[in-house]
Full PDB file with SEQRES, HELIX, SHEET, SSBOND, CRYST1, ORIGX, SCALE, CONECT and MASTER records, all heavy atoms in Angstrom:
SEQRES   1 A   40  LEU SER GLU PHE HIS SER ALA LYS TYR LYS ALA ARG PHE          
SEQRES   2 A   40  ALA MET TRP SER GLY LEU ALA VAL ASN THR GLY ILE ILE          
SEQRES   3 A   40  VAL PRO ALA VAL VAL ALA PHE LEU VAL LEU PRO ASN SER          
SEQRES   4 A   40  TRP                                                          
HELIX    1 AA1 SER A    2  PHE A    4  5                                   3    
HELIX    2 AA2 ALA A    7  ASN A   22  1                                  16    
HELIX    3 AA3 THR A   23  ILE A   25  5                                   3    
HELIX    4 AA4 ILE A   26  VAL A   35  1                                  10    
CRYST1    1.000    1.000    1.000  90.00  90.00  90.00 P 1           1          
ORIGX1      1.000000  0.000000  0.000000        0.00000                         
ORIGX2      0.000000  1.000000  0.000000        0.00000                         
ORIGX3      0.000000  0.000000  1.000000        0.00000                         
SCALE1      1.000000  0.000000  0.000000        0.00000                         
SCALE2      0.000000  1.000000  0.000000        0.00000                         
SCALE3      0.000000  0.000000  1.000000        0.00000                         
ATOM      1  N   LEU A   1      55.241 -12.859  47.099  1.00  0.00           N  
ATOM      2  CA  LEU A   1      55.903 -13.381  48.369  1.00  0.00           C  
ATOM      3  C   LEU A   1      57.193 -12.679  48.696  1.00  0.00           C  
ATOM      4  O   LEU A   1      57.567 -12.617  49.899  1.00  0.00           O  
ATOM      5  CB  LEU A   1      55.981 -14.878  48.130  1.00  0.00           C  
ATOM      6  CG  LEU A   1      54.764 -15.714  48.084  1.00  0.00           C  
ATOM      7  CD1 LEU A   1      55.093 -17.161  47.784  1.00  0.00           C  
ATOM      8  CD2 LEU A   1      53.993 -15.598  49.282  1.00  0.00           C  
ATOM      9  N   SER A   2      57.960 -12.208  47.617  1.00  0.00           N  
ATOM     10  CA  SER A   2      59.274 -11.602  47.939  1.00  0.00           C  
ATOM     11  C   SER A   2      59.062 -10.298  48.672  1.00  0.00           C  
ATOM     12  O   SER A   2      59.916  -9.735  49.263  1.00  0.00           O  
ATOM     13  CB  SER A   2      60.070 -11.443  46.676  1.00  0.00           C  
ATOM     14  OG  SER A   2      59.327 -10.537  45.794  1.00  0.00           O  
ATOM     15  N   GLU A   3      57.822  -9.693  48.534  1.00  0.00           N  
ATOM     16  CA  GLU A   3      57.535  -8.367  49.152  1.00  0.00           C  
ATOM     17  C   GLU A   3      57.341  -8.529  50.625  1.00  0.00           C  
ATOM     18  O   GLU A   3      57.200  -7.504  51.376  1.00  0.00           O  
ATOM     19  CB  GLU A   3      56.278  -7.793  48.457  1.00  0.00           C  
ATOM     20  CG  GLU A   3      56.424  -7.316  47.128  1.00  0.00           C  
ATOM     21  CD  GLU A   3      55.253  -6.777  46.453  1.00  0.00           C  
ATOM     22  OE1 GLU A   3      54.159  -6.797  47.122  1.00  0.00           O  
ATOM     23  OE2 GLU A   3      55.209  -6.331  45.273  1.00  0.00           O  
ATOM     24  N   PHE A   4      57.344  -9.761  51.207  1.00  0.00           N  
ATOM     25  CA  PHE A   4      57.255 -10.003  52.625  1.00  0.00           C  
ATOM     26  C   PHE A   4      58.729 -10.248  53.149  1.00  0.00           C  
ATOM     27  O   PHE A   4      58.811 -10.533  54.413  1.00  0.00           O  
ATOM     28  CB  PHE A   4      56.393 -11.180  52.887  1.00  0.00           C  
ATOM     29  CG  PHE A   4      54.965 -10.918  52.721  1.00  0.00           C  
ATOM     30  CD1 PHE A   4      54.356 -11.153  51.513  1.00  0.00           C  
ATOM     31  CD2 PHE A   4      54.134 -10.448  53.795  1.00  0.00           C  
ATOM     32  CE1 PHE A   4      52.913 -10.954  51.314  1.00  0.00           C  
ATOM     33  CE2 PHE A   4      52.796 -10.219  53.611  1.00  0.00           C  
ATOM     34  CZ  PHE A   4      52.175 -10.414  52.307  1.00  0.00           C  
ATOM     35  N   HIS A   5      59.802 -10.249  52.367  1.00  0.00           N  
ATOM     36  CA  HIS A   5      61.084 -10.497  52.770  1.00  0.00           C  
ATOM     37  C   HIS A   5      61.968  -9.274  52.611  1.00  0.00           C  
ATOM     38  O   HIS A   5      61.798  -8.448  51.742  1.00  0.00           O  
ATOM     39  CB  HIS A   5      61.700 -11.661  51.941  1.00  0.00           C  
ATOM     40  CG  HIS A   5      60.992 -12.922  52.114  1.00  0.00           C  
ATOM     41  ND1 HIS A   5      59.774 -13.272  51.565  1.00  0.00           N  
ATOM     42  CD2 HIS A   5      61.260 -14.050  52.868  1.00  0.00           C  
ATOM     43  CE1 HIS A   5      59.374 -14.526  52.034  1.00  0.00           C  
ATOM     44  NE2 HIS A   5      60.323 -14.908  52.761  1.00  0.00           N  
ATOM     45  N   SER A   6      62.972  -9.155  53.475  1.00  0.00           N  
ATOM     46  CA  SER A   6      63.836  -8.041  53.417  1.00  0.00           C  
ATOM     47  C   SER A   6      64.933  -8.355  52.357  1.00  0.00           C  
ATOM     48  O   SER A   6      64.981  -9.540  51.890  1.00  0.00           O  
ATOM     49  CB  SER A   6      64.629  -7.836  54.802  1.00  0.00           C  
ATOM     50  OG  SER A   6      65.361  -9.002  55.071  1.00  0.00           O  
ATOM     51  N   ALA A   7      65.744  -7.436  51.930  1.00  0.00           N  
ATOM     52  CA  ALA A   7      66.746  -7.647  50.949  1.00  0.00           C  
ATOM     53  C   ALA A   7      67.750  -8.736  51.258  1.00  0.00           C  
ATOM     54  O   ALA A   7      68.222  -9.391  50.434  1.00  0.00           O  
ATOM     55  CB  ALA A   7      67.553  -6.349  50.678  1.00  0.00           C  
ATOM     56  N   LYS A   8      67.975  -8.934  52.538  1.00  0.00           N  
ATOM     57  CA  LYS A   8      68.889  -9.923  53.139  1.00  0.00           C  
ATOM     58  C   LYS A   8      68.480 -11.391  52.685  1.00  0.00           C  
ATOM     59  O   LYS A   8      69.307 -12.255  52.473  1.00  0.00           O  
ATOM     60  CB  LYS A   8      69.104  -9.829  54.561  1.00  0.00           C  
ATOM     61  CG  LYS A   8      70.038 -10.893  55.181  1.00  0.00           C  
ATOM     62  CD  LYS A   8      70.061 -10.570  56.771  1.00  0.00           C  
ATOM     63  CE  LYS A   8      70.939 -11.731  57.343  1.00  0.00           C  
ATOM     64  NZ  LYS A   8      70.987 -11.653  58.898  1.00  0.00           N  
ATOM     65  N   TYR A   9      67.193 -11.541  52.698  1.00  0.00           N  
ATOM     66  CA  TYR A   9      66.727 -13.019  52.440  1.00  0.00           C  
ATOM     67  C   TYR A   9      66.028 -13.153  51.108  1.00  0.00           C  
ATOM     68  O   TYR A   9      65.613 -14.253  50.840  1.00  0.00           O  
ATOM     69  CB  TYR A   9      65.634 -13.268  53.573  1.00  0.00           C  
ATOM     70  CG  TYR A   9      66.252 -13.267  54.947  1.00  0.00           C  
ATOM     71  CD1 TYR A   9      65.853 -12.260  55.855  1.00  0.00           C  
ATOM     72  CD2 TYR A   9      66.967 -14.304  55.482  1.00  0.00           C  
ATOM     73  CE1 TYR A   9      66.492 -12.115  57.078  1.00  0.00           C  
ATOM     74  CE2 TYR A   9      67.507 -14.255  56.760  1.00  0.00           C  
ATOM     75  CZ  TYR A   9      67.193 -13.196  57.588  1.00  0.00           C  
ATOM     76  OH  TYR A   9      67.708 -13.200  58.746  1.00  0.00           O  
ATOM     77  N   LYS A  10      65.881 -12.088  50.274  1.00  0.00           N  
ATOM     78  CA  LYS A  10      65.258 -12.271  49.085  1.00  0.00           C  
ATOM     79  C   LYS A  10      65.899 -13.291  48.074  1.00  0.00           C  
ATOM     80  O   LYS A  10      65.208 -14.051  47.459  1.00  0.00           O  
ATOM     81  CB  LYS A  10      65.172 -10.922  48.345  1.00  0.00           C  
ATOM     82  CG  LYS A  10      63.928 -10.087  48.822  1.00  0.00           C  
ATOM     83  CD  LYS A  10      63.781  -8.827  48.000  1.00  0.00           C  
ATOM     84  CE  LYS A  10      62.569  -8.061  48.494  1.00  0.00           C  
ATOM     85  NZ  LYS A  10      62.268  -6.774  47.780  1.00  0.00           N  
ATOM     86  N   ALA A  11      67.234 -13.299  48.050  1.00  0.00           N  
ATOM     87  CA  ALA A  11      67.909 -14.185  47.057  1.00  0.00           C  
ATOM     88  C   ALA A  11      67.693 -15.631  47.487  1.00  0.00           C  
ATOM     89  O   ALA A  11      67.375 -16.536  46.636  1.00  0.00           O  
ATOM     90  CB  ALA A  11      69.429 -13.825  47.150  1.00  0.00           C  
ATOM     91  N   ARG A  12      67.855 -15.889  48.825  1.00  0.00           N  
ATOM     92  CA  ARG A  12      67.648 -17.315  49.343  1.00  0.00           C  
ATOM     93  C   ARG A  12      66.160 -17.708  49.123  1.00  0.00           C  
ATOM     94  O   ARG A  12      65.845 -18.846  48.710  1.00  0.00           O  
ATOM     95  CB  ARG A  12      68.014 -17.336  50.851  1.00  0.00           C  
ATOM     96  CG  ARG A  12      67.941 -18.742  51.379  1.00  0.00           C  
ATOM     97  CD  ARG A  12      68.224 -18.770  52.861  1.00  0.00           C  
ATOM     98  NE  ARG A  12      69.466 -18.059  53.160  1.00  0.00           N  
ATOM     99  CZ  ARG A  12      69.917 -17.809  54.473  1.00  0.00           C  
ATOM    100  NH1 ARG A  12      69.161 -18.157  55.510  1.00  0.00           N  
ATOM    101  NH2 ARG A  12      71.092 -17.155  54.651  1.00  0.00           N  
ATOM    102  N   PHE A  13      65.284 -16.795  49.335  1.00  0.00           N  
ATOM    103  CA  PHE A  13      63.823 -17.044  49.117  1.00  0.00           C  
ATOM    104  C   PHE A  13      63.531 -17.392  47.643  1.00  0.00           C  
ATOM    105  O   PHE A  13      62.812 -18.412  47.441  1.00  0.00           O  
ATOM    106  CB  PHE A  13      63.005 -15.919  49.607  1.00  0.00           C  
ATOM    107  CG  PHE A  13      61.605 -16.052  49.118  1.00  0.00           C  
ATOM    108  CD1 PHE A  13      60.596 -16.846  49.616  1.00  0.00           C  
ATOM    109  CD2 PHE A  13      61.086 -15.258  48.003  1.00  0.00           C  
ATOM    110  CE1 PHE A  13      59.315 -16.951  49.197  1.00  0.00           C  
ATOM    111  CE2 PHE A  13      59.875 -15.309  47.574  1.00  0.00           C  
ATOM    112  CZ  PHE A  13      58.952 -16.150  48.116  1.00  0.00           C  
ATOM    113  N   ALA A  14      64.113 -16.643  46.816  1.00  0.00           N  
ATOM    114  CA  ALA A  14      63.857 -16.856  45.234  1.00  0.00           C  
ATOM    115  C   ALA A  14      64.446 -18.198  44.982  1.00  0.00           C  
ATOM    116  O   ALA A  14      63.647 -18.947  44.180  1.00  0.00           O  
ATOM    117  CB  ALA A  14      64.639 -15.776  44.518  1.00  0.00           C  
ATOM    118  N   MET A  15      65.395 -18.740  45.488  1.00  0.00           N  
ATOM    119  CA  MET A  15      65.904 -20.094  45.162  1.00  0.00           C  
ATOM    120  C   MET A  15      64.904 -21.069  45.702  1.00  0.00           C  
ATOM    121  O   MET A  15      64.587 -22.104  44.991  1.00  0.00           O  
ATOM    122  CB  MET A  15      67.269 -20.293  45.900  1.00  0.00           C  
ATOM    123  CG  MET A  15      67.896 -21.651  45.620  1.00  0.00           C  
ATOM    124  SD  MET A  15      69.493 -21.874  46.286  1.00  0.00           S  
ATOM    125  CE  MET A  15      69.079 -21.906  48.059  1.00  0.00           C  
ATOM    126  N   TRP A  16      64.500 -20.972  46.958  1.00  0.00           N  
ATOM    127  CA  TRP A  16      63.532 -22.014  47.396  1.00  0.00           C  
ATOM    128  C   TRP A  16      62.179 -21.846  46.836  1.00  0.00           C  
ATOM    129  O   TRP A  16      61.531 -22.883  46.681  1.00  0.00           O  
ATOM    130  CB  TRP A  16      63.491 -21.798  49.005  1.00  0.00           C  
ATOM    131  CG  TRP A  16      64.609 -22.388  49.703  1.00  0.00           C  
ATOM    132  CD1 TRP A  16      65.628 -21.541  50.226  1.00  0.00           C  
ATOM    133  CD2 TRP A  16      65.054 -23.696  50.021  1.00  0.00           C  
ATOM    134  NE1 TRP A  16      66.634 -22.384  50.850  1.00  0.00           N  
ATOM    135  CE2 TRP A  16      66.206 -23.701  50.801  1.00  0.00           C  
ATOM    136  CE3 TRP A  16      64.357 -24.909  49.667  1.00  0.00           C  
ATOM    137  CZ2 TRP A  16      66.796 -24.835  51.118  1.00  0.00           C  
ATOM    138  CZ3 TRP A  16      65.057 -26.039  50.122  1.00  0.00           C  
ATOM    139  CH2 TRP A  16      66.260 -26.040  50.832  1.00  0.00           C  
ATOM    140  N   SER A  17      61.748 -20.733  46.561  1.00  0.00           N  
ATOM    141  CA  SER A  17      60.449 -20.614  45.904  1.00  0.00           C  
ATOM    142  C   SER A  17      60.398 -21.215  44.532  1.00  0.00           C  
ATOM    143  O   SER A  17      59.543 -21.835  43.970  1.00  0.00           O  
ATOM    144  CB  SER A  17      59.970 -19.166  45.840  1.00  0.00           C  
ATOM    145  OG  SER A  17      60.845 -18.369  45.098  1.00  0.00           O  
ATOM    146  N   GLY A  18      61.609 -20.949  43.788  1.00  0.00           N  
ATOM    147  CA  GLY A  18      61.777 -21.549  42.516  1.00  0.00           C  
ATOM    148  C   GLY A  18      61.758 -23.115  42.519  1.00  0.00           C  
ATOM    149  O   GLY A  18      61.127 -23.771  41.683  1.00  0.00           O  
ATOM    150  N   LEU A  19      62.339 -23.662  43.585  1.00  0.00           N  
ATOM    151  CA  LEU A  19      62.183 -25.118  43.750  1.00  0.00           C  
ATOM    152  C   LEU A  19      60.737 -25.525  43.982  1.00  0.00           C  
ATOM    153  O   LEU A  19      60.260 -26.587  43.430  1.00  0.00           O  
ATOM    154  CB  LEU A  19      63.053 -25.609  44.999  1.00  0.00           C  
ATOM    155  CG  LEU A  19      62.966 -27.033  45.284  1.00  0.00           C  
ATOM    156  CD1 LEU A  19      63.510 -27.927  44.292  1.00  0.00           C  
ATOM    157  CD2 LEU A  19      63.693 -27.289  46.690  1.00  0.00           C  
ATOM    158  N   ALA A  20      60.051 -24.855  44.810  1.00  0.00           N  
ATOM    159  CA  ALA A  20      58.609 -25.108  45.028  1.00  0.00           C  
ATOM    160  C   ALA A  20      57.815 -25.096  43.792  1.00  0.00           C  
ATOM    161  O   ALA A  20      56.953 -25.899  43.516  1.00  0.00           O  
ATOM    162  CB  ALA A  20      57.976 -24.238  46.119  1.00  0.00           C  
ATOM    163  N   VAL A  21      58.047 -24.037  42.966  1.00  0.00           N  
ATOM    164  CA  VAL A  21      57.250 -23.897  41.761  1.00  0.00           C  
ATOM    165  C   VAL A  21      57.640 -25.011  40.766  1.00  0.00           C  
ATOM    166  O   VAL A  21      56.765 -25.637  40.119  1.00  0.00           O  
ATOM    167  CB  VAL A  21      57.502 -22.510  41.045  1.00  0.00           C  
ATOM    168  CG1 VAL A  21      56.997 -22.448  39.674  1.00  0.00           C  
ATOM    169  CG2 VAL A  21      57.042 -21.419  41.822  1.00  0.00           C  
ATOM    170  N   ASN A  22      58.929 -25.360  40.667  1.00  0.00           N  
ATOM    171  CA  ASN A  22      59.324 -26.435  39.766  1.00  0.00           C  
ATOM    172  C   ASN A  22      58.695 -27.867  40.165  1.00  0.00           C  
ATOM    173  O   ASN A  22      58.550 -28.693  39.347  1.00  0.00           O  
ATOM    174  CB  ASN A  22      60.846 -26.498  39.684  1.00  0.00           C  
ATOM    175  CG  ASN A  22      61.391 -25.418  38.881  1.00  0.00           C  
ATOM    176  OD1 ASN A  22      60.746 -24.850  38.015  1.00  0.00           O  
ATOM    177  ND2 ASN A  22      62.676 -25.072  39.202  1.00  0.00           N  
ATOM    178  N   THR A  23      58.497 -28.045  41.408  1.00  0.00           N  
ATOM    179  CA  THR A  23      57.958 -29.312  41.935  1.00  0.00           C  
ATOM    180  C   THR A  23      56.583 -29.450  41.346  1.00  0.00           C  
ATOM    181  O   THR A  23      56.019 -30.558  41.373  1.00  0.00           O  
ATOM    182  CB  THR A  23      57.860 -29.434  43.412  1.00  0.00           C  
ATOM    183  OG1 THR A  23      57.145 -28.235  44.007  1.00  0.00           O  
ATOM    184  CG2 THR A  23      59.284 -29.517  43.999  1.00  0.00           C  
ATOM    185  N   GLY A  24      55.963 -28.384  40.841  1.00  0.00           N  
ATOM    186  CA  GLY A  24      54.654 -28.469  40.215  1.00  0.00           C  
ATOM    187  C   GLY A  24      54.580 -29.474  39.068  1.00  0.00           C  
ATOM    188  O   GLY A  24      53.603 -30.042  38.750  1.00  0.00           O  
ATOM    189  N   ILE A  25      55.740 -29.685  38.317  1.00  0.00           N  
ATOM    190  CA  ILE A  25      55.758 -30.536  37.217  1.00  0.00           C  
ATOM    191  C   ILE A  25      55.662 -32.021  37.665  1.00  0.00           C  
ATOM    192  O   ILE A  25      55.413 -32.918  36.896  1.00  0.00           O  
ATOM    193  CB  ILE A  25      56.930 -30.377  36.269  1.00  0.00           C  
ATOM    194  CG1 ILE A  25      58.294 -30.751  37.037  1.00  0.00           C  
ATOM    195  CG2 ILE A  25      57.089 -28.960  35.874  1.00  0.00           C  
ATOM    196  CD1 ILE A  25      59.468 -30.676  36.120  1.00  0.00           C  
ATOM    197  N   ILE A  26      55.953 -32.380  38.903  1.00  0.00           N  
ATOM    198  CA  ILE A  26      55.835 -33.632  39.446  1.00  0.00           C  
ATOM    199  C   ILE A  26      54.480 -34.093  39.660  1.00  0.00           C  
ATOM    200  O   ILE A  26      54.117 -35.291  39.394  1.00  0.00           O  
ATOM    201  CB  ILE A  26      56.666 -33.815  40.692  1.00  0.00           C  
ATOM    202  CG1 ILE A  26      58.209 -33.416  40.513  1.00  0.00           C  
ATOM    203  CG2 ILE A  26      56.648 -35.189  41.308  1.00  0.00           C  
ATOM    204  CD1 ILE A  26      59.029 -33.308  41.704  1.00  0.00           C  
ATOM    205  N   VAL A  27      53.581 -33.160  40.132  1.00  0.00           N  
ATOM    206  CA  VAL A  27      52.181 -33.579  40.524  1.00  0.00           C  
ATOM    207  C   VAL A  27      51.505 -34.233  39.410  1.00  0.00           C  
ATOM    208  O   VAL A  27      50.857 -35.280  39.597  1.00  0.00           O  
ATOM    209  CB  VAL A  27      51.588 -32.297  41.118  1.00  0.00           C  
ATOM    210  CG1 VAL A  27      49.995 -32.575  41.416  1.00  0.00           C  
ATOM    211  CG2 VAL A  27      52.263 -31.784  42.294  1.00  0.00           C  
ATOM    212  N   PRO A  28      51.374 -33.547  38.187  1.00  0.00           N  
ATOM    213  CA  PRO A  28      50.573 -34.207  37.108  1.00  0.00           C  
ATOM    214  C   PRO A  28      51.069 -35.632  36.718  1.00  0.00           C  
ATOM    215  O   PRO A  28      50.233 -36.450  36.397  1.00  0.00           O  
ATOM    216  CB  PRO A  28      50.687 -33.246  35.903  1.00  0.00           C  
ATOM    217  CG  PRO A  28      51.109 -31.888  36.542  1.00  0.00           C  
ATOM    218  CD  PRO A  28      52.029 -32.264  37.799  1.00  0.00           C  
ATOM    219  N   ALA A  29      52.298 -35.742  36.734  1.00  0.00           N  
ATOM    220  CA  ALA A  29      52.900 -37.068  36.438  1.00  0.00           C  
ATOM    221  C   ALA A  29      52.510 -38.161  37.446  1.00  0.00           C  
ATOM    222  O   ALA A  29      52.139 -39.322  37.195  1.00  0.00           O  
ATOM    223  CB  ALA A  29      54.435 -37.061  36.326  1.00  0.00           C  
ATOM    224  N   VAL A  30      52.565 -37.765  38.782  1.00  0.00           N  
ATOM    225  CA  VAL A  30      52.276 -38.676  39.804  1.00  0.00           C  
ATOM    226  C   VAL A  30      50.699 -39.037  39.780  1.00  0.00           C  
ATOM    227  O   VAL A  30      50.333 -40.229  39.910  1.00  0.00           O  
ATOM    228  CB  VAL A  30      52.622 -38.103  41.196  1.00  0.00           C  
ATOM    229  CG1 VAL A  30      52.065 -39.068  42.287  1.00  0.00           C  
ATOM    230  CG2 VAL A  30      54.167 -37.966  41.345  1.00  0.00           C  
ATOM    231  N   VAL A  31      49.944 -38.006  39.575  1.00  0.00           N  
ATOM    232  CA  VAL A  31      48.464 -38.242  39.549  1.00  0.00           C  
ATOM    233  C   VAL A  31      48.050 -39.123  38.356  1.00  0.00           C  
ATOM    234  O   VAL A  31      47.211 -39.937  38.429  1.00  0.00           O  
ATOM    235  CB  VAL A  31      47.790 -36.817  39.497  1.00  0.00           C  
ATOM    236  CG1 VAL A  31      46.211 -37.112  39.311  1.00  0.00           C  
ATOM    237  CG2 VAL A  31      48.076 -36.121  40.701  1.00  0.00           C  
ATOM    238  N   ALA A  32      48.757 -38.787  37.167  1.00  0.00           N  
ATOM    239  CA  ALA A  32      48.553 -39.680  36.021  1.00  0.00           C  
ATOM    240  C   ALA A  32      48.864 -41.176  36.342  1.00  0.00           C  
ATOM    241  O   ALA A  32      48.215 -41.947  35.813  1.00  0.00           O  
ATOM    242  CB  ALA A  32      49.298 -39.144  34.766  1.00  0.00           C  
ATOM    243  N   PHE A  33      50.016 -41.351  36.969  1.00  0.00           N  
ATOM    244  CA  PHE A  33      50.512 -42.726  37.296  1.00  0.00           C  
ATOM    245  C   PHE A  33      49.414 -43.450  38.069  1.00  0.00           C  
ATOM    246  O   PHE A  33      49.159 -44.625  37.979  1.00  0.00           O  
ATOM    247  CB  PHE A  33      51.803 -42.647  37.901  1.00  0.00           C  
ATOM    248  CG  PHE A  33      52.249 -43.929  38.555  1.00  0.00           C  
ATOM    249  CD1 PHE A  33      52.706 -44.990  37.719  1.00  0.00           C  
ATOM    250  CD2 PHE A  33      52.319 -44.202  39.898  1.00  0.00           C  
ATOM    251  CE1 PHE A  33      53.052 -46.125  38.226  1.00  0.00           C  
ATOM    252  CE2 PHE A  33      52.743 -45.409  40.428  1.00  0.00           C  
ATOM    253  CZ  PHE A  33      53.134 -46.353  39.631  1.00  0.00           C  
ATOM    254  N   LEU A  34      48.784 -42.706  39.014  1.00  0.00           N  
ATOM    255  CA  LEU A  34      47.900 -43.257  39.890  1.00  0.00           C  
ATOM    256  C   LEU A  34      46.439 -43.501  39.256  1.00  0.00           C  
ATOM    257  O   LEU A  34      45.680 -44.466  39.705  1.00  0.00           O  
ATOM    258  CB  LEU A  34      47.673 -42.460  41.195  1.00  0.00           C  
ATOM    259  CG  LEU A  34      49.002 -42.293  42.092  1.00  0.00           C  
ATOM    260  CD1 LEU A  34      48.702 -41.424  43.180  1.00  0.00           C  
ATOM    261  CD2 LEU A  34      49.442 -43.627  42.627  1.00  0.00           C  
ATOM    262  N   VAL A  35      46.028 -42.579  38.316  1.00  0.00           N  
ATOM    263  CA  VAL A  35      44.660 -42.613  37.841  1.00  0.00           C  
ATOM    264  C   VAL A  35      44.571 -43.221  36.411  1.00  0.00           C  
ATOM    265  O   VAL A  35      43.594 -44.005  36.222  1.00  0.00           O  
ATOM    266  CB  VAL A  35      44.149 -41.200  37.904  1.00  0.00           C  
ATOM    267  CG1 VAL A  35      42.742 -41.112  37.289  1.00  0.00           C  
ATOM    268  CG2 VAL A  35      44.149 -40.583  39.280  1.00  0.00           C  
ATOM    269  N   LEU A  36      45.304 -42.670  35.404  1.00  0.00           N  
ATOM    270  CA  LEU A  36      44.992 -42.979  34.060  1.00  0.00           C  
ATOM    271  C   LEU A  36      45.074 -44.498  33.718  1.00  0.00           C  
ATOM    272  O   LEU A  36      44.246 -44.834  32.798  1.00  0.00           O  
ATOM    273  CB  LEU A  36      45.956 -42.182  33.235  1.00  0.00           C  
ATOM    274  CG  LEU A  36      45.646 -40.651  33.171  1.00  0.00           C  
ATOM    275  CD1 LEU A  36      46.665 -39.896  32.210  1.00  0.00           C  
ATOM    276  CD2 LEU A  36      44.241 -40.427  32.667  1.00  0.00           C  
ATOM    277  N   PRO A  37      45.981 -45.227  34.200  1.00  0.00           N  
ATOM    278  CA  PRO A  37      45.951 -46.714  33.695  1.00  0.00           C  
ATOM    279  C   PRO A  37      44.707 -47.498  34.188  1.00  0.00           C  
ATOM    280  O   PRO A  37      44.516 -48.592  33.740  1.00  0.00           O  
ATOM    281  CB  PRO A  37      47.258 -47.265  34.360  1.00  0.00           C  
ATOM    282  CG  PRO A  37      48.049 -46.011  34.757  1.00  0.00           C  
ATOM    283  CD  PRO A  37      47.114 -44.914  35.065  1.00  0.00           C  
ATOM    284  N   ASN A  38      43.984 -46.889  35.122  1.00  0.00           N  
ATOM    285  CA  ASN A  38      42.744 -47.698  35.640  1.00  0.00           C  
ATOM    286  C   ASN A  38      41.629 -47.635  34.624  1.00  0.00           C  
ATOM    287  O   ASN A  38      41.437 -46.665  33.903  1.00  0.00           O  
ATOM    288  CB  ASN A  38      42.342 -47.136  36.956  1.00  0.00           C  
ATOM    289  CG  ASN A  38      43.358 -47.213  38.024  1.00  0.00           C  
ATOM    290  OD1 ASN A  38      43.741 -48.241  38.497  1.00  0.00           O  
ATOM    291  ND2 ASN A  38      44.066 -45.993  38.382  1.00  0.00           N  
ATOM    292  N   SER A  39      40.885 -48.661  34.675  1.00  0.00           N  
ATOM    293  CA  SER A  39      39.570 -48.691  33.908  1.00  0.00           C  
ATOM    294  C   SER A  39      38.353 -48.286  34.710  1.00  0.00           C  
ATOM    295  O   SER A  39      37.373 -49.005  34.691  1.00  0.00           O  
ATOM    296  CB  SER A  39      39.419 -50.167  33.260  1.00  0.00           C  
ATOM    297  OG  SER A  39      39.355 -51.140  34.412  1.00  0.00           O  
ATOM    298  N   TRP A  40      38.367 -47.123  35.326  1.00  0.00           N  
ATOM    299  CA  TRP A  40      37.333 -46.619  36.094  1.00  0.00           C  
ATOM    300  C   TRP A  40      36.211 -46.129  35.261  1.00  0.00           C  
ATOM    301  O   TRP A  40      36.411 -45.665  34.225  1.00  0.00           O  
ATOM    302  CB  TRP A  40      37.853 -45.574  37.070  1.00  0.00           C  
ATOM    303  CG  TRP A  40      38.835 -46.062  38.153  1.00  0.00           C  
ATOM    304  CD1 TRP A  40      38.944 -47.344  38.479  1.00  0.00           C  
ATOM    305  CD2 TRP A  40      39.669 -45.295  38.881  1.00  0.00           C  
ATOM    306  NE1 TRP A  40      39.950 -47.383  39.514  1.00  0.00           N  
ATOM    307  CE2 TRP A  40      40.438 -46.214  39.753  1.00  0.00           C  
ATOM    308  CE3 TRP A  40      40.031 -43.875  38.855  1.00  0.00           C  
ATOM    309  CZ2 TRP A  40      41.375 -45.675  40.598  1.00  0.00           C  
ATOM    310  CZ3 TRP A  40      41.081 -43.493  39.732  1.00  0.00           C  
ATOM    311  CH2 TRP A  40      41.769 -44.384  40.565  1.00  0.00           C  
TER     312      TRP A  40                                                      
MASTER        0    0    0    4    0    0    0    6  311    1    0    4          
END                                                                             
């Protein structure tokens, strides 16, 4: 994705993309909260 950005915006993009990647650790916890306690 950084190959689509110029040098001016690469640092800012890296910060926001890092945030987006880190939010991935939220998804399994939320899905587990919604699904696992059920007796389906």
